[in-house]
Protein backbone atom coordinates (compact mmCIF):
# COMPACT_ATOMS: atom_id res chain seq x y z
CA MET A 1 0.01 0.00 -0.10
CA ASN A 2 1.45 3.33 -1.12
CA GLN A 3 1.67 6.38 1.17
CA ASN A 4 -1.23 8.17 -0.21
CA LYS A 5 -3.46 4.96 0.08
CA LEU A 6 -2.47 4.55 3.77
CA ILE A 7 -3.33 8.17 4.55
CA ILE A 8 -6.94 7.84 2.65
CA THR A 9 -7.56 4.51 4.42
CA SER A 10 -6.56 6.20 7.92
CA LEU A 11 -8.88 9.14 7.23
CA VAL A 12 -11.76 6.99 6.41
CA PHE A 13 -11.22 4.91 9.66
CA LEU A 14 -11.16 8.10 11.83
CA PHE A 15 -14.15 9.48 10.17
CA THR A 16 -16.09 6.18 10.59
CA PHE A 17 -14.82 5.76 14.23
CA SER A 18 -15.80 9.68 15.13
CA HIS A 19 -19.19 9.26 13.36
CA SER A 20 -19.97 5.81 15.16
CA PHE A 21 -18.87 7.41 18.62
CA LEU A 22 -20.91 10.65 18.03
CA SER A 23 -23.79 8.76 16.90
CA ILE A 24 -23.83 6.83 20.05
CA ALA A 25 -23.10 9.48 22.53
CA GLN A 26 -25.26 12.09 21.03
CA ASP A 27 -28.53 9.91 21.35
CA GLY A 28 -28.59 10.89 24.98
CA LYS A 29 -29.08 7.47 26.39
CA ARG A 30 -25.97 7.35 28.50
CA ASP A 31 -24.43 10.31 30.22
CA LEU A 32 -20.65 11.26 29.27
CA TYR A 33 -18.47 12.23 32.06
CA GLU A 34 -15.43 14.37 32.25
CA LEU A 35 -13.10 13.76 35.23
CA LYS A 36 -10.61 16.35 35.89
CA ILE A 37 -7.73 16.03 38.33
CA TYR A 38 -5.62 18.95 39.07
CA HIS A 39 -2.16 18.21 40.36
CA ILE A 40 -1.12 21.03 42.68
CA ALA A 41 2.38 21.64 44.14
CA ASN A 42 1.59 24.05 47.23
CA ASP A 43 -1.06 25.62 49.15
CA ALA A 44 -1.11 28.70 46.91
CA GLN A 45 -1.97 26.51 43.98
CA GLU A 46 -4.68 24.88 45.87
CA LYS A 47 -6.09 28.13 46.98
CA MET A 48 -6.10 29.65 43.57
CA VAL A 49 -7.85 26.42 41.89
CA ASP A 50 -10.51 26.60 44.77
CA GLU A 51 -11.21 30.29 44.41
CA TYR A 52 -11.46 29.63 40.49
CA LEU A 53 -13.70 26.69 40.73
CA LYS A 54 -15.97 28.17 43.38
CA SER A 55 -16.21 31.71 41.91
CA ALA A 56 -15.79 31.43 38.42
CA PHE A 57 -16.03 27.82 36.66
CA ILE A 58 -18.86 26.36 38.78
CA PRO A 59 -21.35 29.27 38.15
CA ALA A 60 -20.18 29.32 34.57
CA THR A 61 -20.74 25.58 34.12
CA HIS A 62 -24.34 26.04 35.61
CA ARG A 63 -25.04 28.84 33.08
CA ALA A 64 -23.79 26.33 30.39
CA GLY A 65 -26.29 23.83 31.29
CA VAL A 66 -24.39 21.49 33.57
CA SER A 67 -26.36 21.85 36.96
CA GLU A 68 -24.40 19.27 38.91
CA VAL A 69 -20.57 19.55 39.45
CA GLY A 70 -18.83 17.70 41.93
CA VAL A 71 -15.39 18.64 43.52
CA PHE A 72 -13.60 16.46 45.84
CA LYS A 73 -10.32 16.32 47.43
CA PRO A 74 -8.43 13.18 49.19
CA LEU A 75 -9.03 12.48 52.77
CA PRO A 76 -6.14 13.54 55.03
CA SER A 77 -5.09 9.87 55.63
CA GLU A 78 -4.82 9.45 51.69
CA GLU A 79 -1.09 9.53 50.36
CA ASP A 80 -2.09 12.26 47.85
CA ALA A 81 -3.97 14.35 50.24
CA GLY A 82 -3.17 18.20 49.53
CA GLU A 83 -1.69 17.19 45.86
CA LYS A 84 -5.02 16.82 43.97
CA ILE A 85 -8.56 18.17 43.42
CA TYR A 86 -10.99 16.18 41.46
CA VAL A 87 -13.50 17.73 39.37
CA PHE A 88 -16.54 15.68 37.93
CA LEU A 89 -18.62 16.90 35.17
CA PRO A 90 -21.60 15.14 33.59
CA PHE A 91 -22.91 15.95 30.13
CA LYS A 92 -26.17 14.44 28.71
CA ASN A 93 -24.22 13.80 25.24
CA SER A 94 -21.31 14.47 23.31
CA LYS A 95 -22.74 17.58 21.84
CA ALA A 96 -23.08 18.95 25.19
CA TYR A 97 -19.46 18.00 26.09
CA PHE A 98 -17.92 19.46 22.91
CA GLN A 99 -19.74 22.80 22.93
CA PHE A 100 -19.03 23.12 26.69
CA GLN A 101 -15.78 24.97 26.29
CA SER A 102 -16.80 27.42 23.78
CA LYS A 103 -19.53 28.38 26.11
CA LEU A 104 -17.21 29.36 28.72
CA ASP A 105 -15.05 31.15 26.24
CA LYS A 106 -18.07 33.44 25.27
CA ASP A 107 -19.09 34.00 28.85
CA GLN A 108 -17.75 37.33 29.81
CA THR A 109 -18.89 37.02 33.61
CA TYR A 110 -16.84 33.67 33.83
CA GLN A 111 -13.84 35.61 32.08
CA ASN A 112 -13.80 38.40 34.84
CA ALA A 113 -14.47 36.28 37.88
CA GLY A 114 -11.84 33.81 36.94
CA ARG A 115 -9.15 36.31 35.60
CA ASP A 116 -6.40 35.57 38.28
CA TYR A 117 -6.59 31.92 37.16
CA ILE A 118 -7.05 32.16 33.46
CA TYR A 119 -4.32 34.81 32.97
CA ALA A 120 -1.93 33.31 35.52
CA ALA A 121 1.69 34.03 34.58
CA HIS A 122 3.67 31.21 33.25
CA ASP A 123 6.19 31.44 36.00
CA ASN A 124 3.48 31.35 38.67
CA PRO A 125 0.84 28.86 37.37
CA PRO A 126 -2.20 27.87 39.45
CA PHE A 127 -1.60 24.01 39.15
CA ALA A 128 1.23 21.55 38.05
CA ARG A 129 -0.66 19.57 35.54
CA ILE A 130 -4.36 18.76 34.65
CA GLU A 131 -5.30 15.23 34.04
CA SER A 132 -8.48 14.40 32.23
CA ARG A 133 -10.45 11.40 31.80
CA LEU A 134 -13.57 10.89 29.38
CA LEU A 135 -16.00 8.21 30.78
CA GLN A 136 -19.40 7.05 29.54
CA ALA A 137 -22.04 5.68 31.89
CA PHE A 138 -22.75 1.92 32.03
CA THR A 139 -25.84 0.79 29.96
CA GLY A 140 -26.91 -0.61 33.56
CA ASN A 141 -26.93 2.65 35.08
CA PRO A 142 -27.18 5.36 32.14
CA ARG A 143 -27.63 8.73 34.29
CA MET A 144 -25.67 9.99 37.50
CA SER A 145 -27.07 10.34 40.71
CA THR A 146 -26.70 12.75 43.19
CA PRO A 147 -26.26 11.12 46.62
CA ASN A 148 -28.91 10.87 49.22
CA LEU A 149 -26.84 12.02 52.32
CA THR A 150 -27.51 14.02 55.27
CA ALA A 151 -24.27 14.37 56.98
CA PRO A 152 -22.31 17.56 56.62
CA LYS A 153 -19.98 17.52 53.76
CA SER A 154 -16.87 17.78 56.19
CA GLN A 155 -17.99 14.34 57.35
CA ARG A 156 -18.78 12.45 54.19
CA VAL A 157 -16.74 9.77 52.40
CA TYR A 158 -16.91 9.56 48.56
CA GLU A 159 -15.10 6.34 47.09
CA LEU A 160 -13.62 6.54 43.79
CA ARG A 161 -12.65 3.15 42.54
CA SER A 162 -10.90 2.24 39.10
CA TYR A 163 -10.87 -1.17 38.17
CA GLU A 164 -8.05 -2.28 35.70
CA ALA A 165 -7.98 -5.28 33.45
CA ALA A 166 -5.13 -7.30 31.99
CA THR A 167 -6.92 -7.40 28.55
CA GLU A 168 -9.77 -5.58 26.78
CA ARG A 169 -11.81 -8.75 26.52
CA LEU A 170 -11.54 -9.02 30.36
CA TYR A 171 -12.50 -5.50 30.74
CA ARG A 172 -15.50 -5.98 28.85
CA GLN A 173 -16.29 -9.15 30.99
CA LYS A 174 -16.11 -6.94 34.07
CA VAL A 175 -18.36 -4.37 32.59
CA LYS A 176 -20.92 -6.96 31.89
CA MET A 177 -20.63 -8.37 35.31
CA PHE A 178 -21.68 -4.87 36.56
CA ASN A 179 -24.65 -4.61 34.14
CA SER A 180 -25.63 -8.23 34.82
CA GLY A 181 -26.17 -7.99 38.52
CA GLU A 182 -23.25 -6.21 40.48
CA ILE A 183 -24.85 -2.63 40.23
CA ASP A 184 -27.96 -4.30 41.79
CA ILE A 185 -26.28 -5.51 44.75
CA PHE A 186 -24.71 -1.98 45.15
CA ASP A 187 -28.30 -0.46 45.19
CA LYS A 188 -29.86 -3.45 47.40
CA LEU A 189 -27.16 -2.48 50.02
CA ASP A 190 -27.60 1.44 49.47
CA PHE A 191 -24.24 2.26 48.47
CA ASN A 192 -25.53 5.75 47.07
CA PRO A 193 -23.71 5.80 43.79
CA VAL A 194 -23.07 8.69 41.82
CA PHE A 195 -21.99 6.95 38.64
CA TYR A 196 -20.68 3.52 37.00
CA ALA A 197 -18.73 4.34 33.79
CA GLU A 198 -16.37 2.99 31.10
CA THR A 199 -13.16 4.79 30.61
CA LEU A 200 -13.28 6.21 26.79
CA ALA A 201 -10.01 8.08 27.07
CA GLY A 202 -7.36 8.44 29.87
CA GLY A 203 -4.70 6.76 31.69
CA THR A 204 -4.61 3.02 32.98
CA MET A 205 -6.91 1.77 30.20
CA PRO A 206 -8.57 -0.62 30.26
CA ASN A 207 -10.45 0.37 33.01
CA LEU A 208 -13.70 1.15 34.53
CA MET A 209 -14.61 3.72 37.21
CA TYR A 210 -17.43 4.18 39.87
CA LEU A 211 -18.22 6.48 42.67
CA THR A 212 -20.07 5.35 46.04
CA THR A 213 -20.71 7.94 48.74
CA PHE A 214 -21.43 7.68 52.54
CA GLU A 215 -22.35 9.54 55.79
CA ASN A 216 -18.97 8.85 57.29
CA MET A 217 -16.04 6.32 57.35
CA GLU A 218 -17.98 3.98 59.75
CA GLU A 219 -20.78 3.56 57.56
CA ARG A 220 -18.45 2.96 54.48
CA ASP A 221 -16.73 -0.01 56.23
CA ALA A 222 -20.20 -1.37 57.32
CA HIS A 223 -21.54 -1.05 53.68
CA TRP A 224 -18.36 -3.03 52.35
CA ASP A 225 -18.46 -5.81 55.25
CA ALA A 226 -22.07 -6.37 54.32
CA PHE A 227 -21.28 -6.50 50.43
CA ARG A 228 -18.57 -9.14 51.11
CA VAL A 229 -20.93 -11.74 52.62
CA ASP A 230 -24.00 -10.91 50.44
CA PRO A 231 -25.52 -14.03 49.21
CA ASP A 232 -25.91 -12.46 45.48
CA TRP A 233 -22.24 -11.42 45.41
CA GLU A 234 -21.20 -14.78 46.90
CA ALA A 235 -23.14 -16.42 44.02
CA MET A 236 -21.48 -14.19 41.02
CA LYS A 237 -18.08 -13.52 42.09
CA ASP A 238 -16.97 -17.08 41.15
CA LEU A 239 -18.53 -17.69 38.14
CA GLU A 240 -16.28 -18.77 35.45
CA GLU A 241 -16.98 -16.01 32.88
CA TYR A 242 -15.94 -13.43 35.75
CA ARG A 243 -12.82 -14.75 36.76
CA ASN A 244 -9.33 -12.64 36.44
CA THR A 245 -11.50 -9.59 35.09
CA VAL A 246 -9.71 -7.41 37.57
CA SER A 247 -5.84 -6.97 37.45
CA LYS A 248 -5.86 -3.80 39.70
CA ASN A 249 -7.99 -2.01 41.96
CA VAL A 250 -7.22 1.49 42.83
CA THR A 251 -9.49 2.92 45.53
CA LEU A 252 -9.51 6.66 46.49
CA LEU A 253 -11.24 7.98 49.53
CA LEU A 254 -12.45 11.74 48.95
CA ARG A 255 -14.33 14.25 50.62
CA PRO A 256 -16.64 16.84 48.81
CA THR A 257 -15.45 20.63 49.18
CA ASP A 258 -17.90 23.03 50.94
CA TYR A 259 -18.75 24.52 47.19
CA SER A 260 -19.05 20.99 45.60
CA ASP A 261 -22.69 20.93 44.26
CA PHE A 262 -23.16 17.31 45.98
């Protein structure tokens, strides 16, 4: 195959993939999520990002049609405490996702309120780096839910889990496991999930991610104790089709900021 044919073939593939992705995501049957992770190097950067998110970004996000924005930080006991800020953005479809930044660019109120962050000097940046993951909700749980909690945000525990798989086939089997009964077990035991999602783009692929929420650490531990001995889970976990579907479990314990929407 000569170079021109290779280029044409590549373009056709990219067009077909993009068209298929947009057709699926734009139908609105499953949410798209962006998980942004701010890596911060010091207290000054944390303060600047906090002020930007609270006073500029979240109000502008609401004006852009995204009503629920979650902002979380690692618990003090976590090894990355004080080093990361997690921002969760839900979108109904790909159109809303791709139009989001342009809406911010045209929002003069946002530009004014976020000026210190937006126009920060190159030698005094508000963060070290931003990591971003694009997620799509599971078919078995196609929409996010705000948690039904009554405890103050300062006491809550939000658990963000990432299950990595050794191969793409095994990853798809783990997604199937969630859609075929594991989500039902979490719901039965009142884990108060915010989302379950497949990672479309980001680090550590193939992997899925989900976020469950609890009133406090004691409740979190009690829920997992109940899960481990649940008869439905006992019957499901050792089925041949679901063996070896998780090669690595990354568990992060987070707490919502006082300005987070949930």
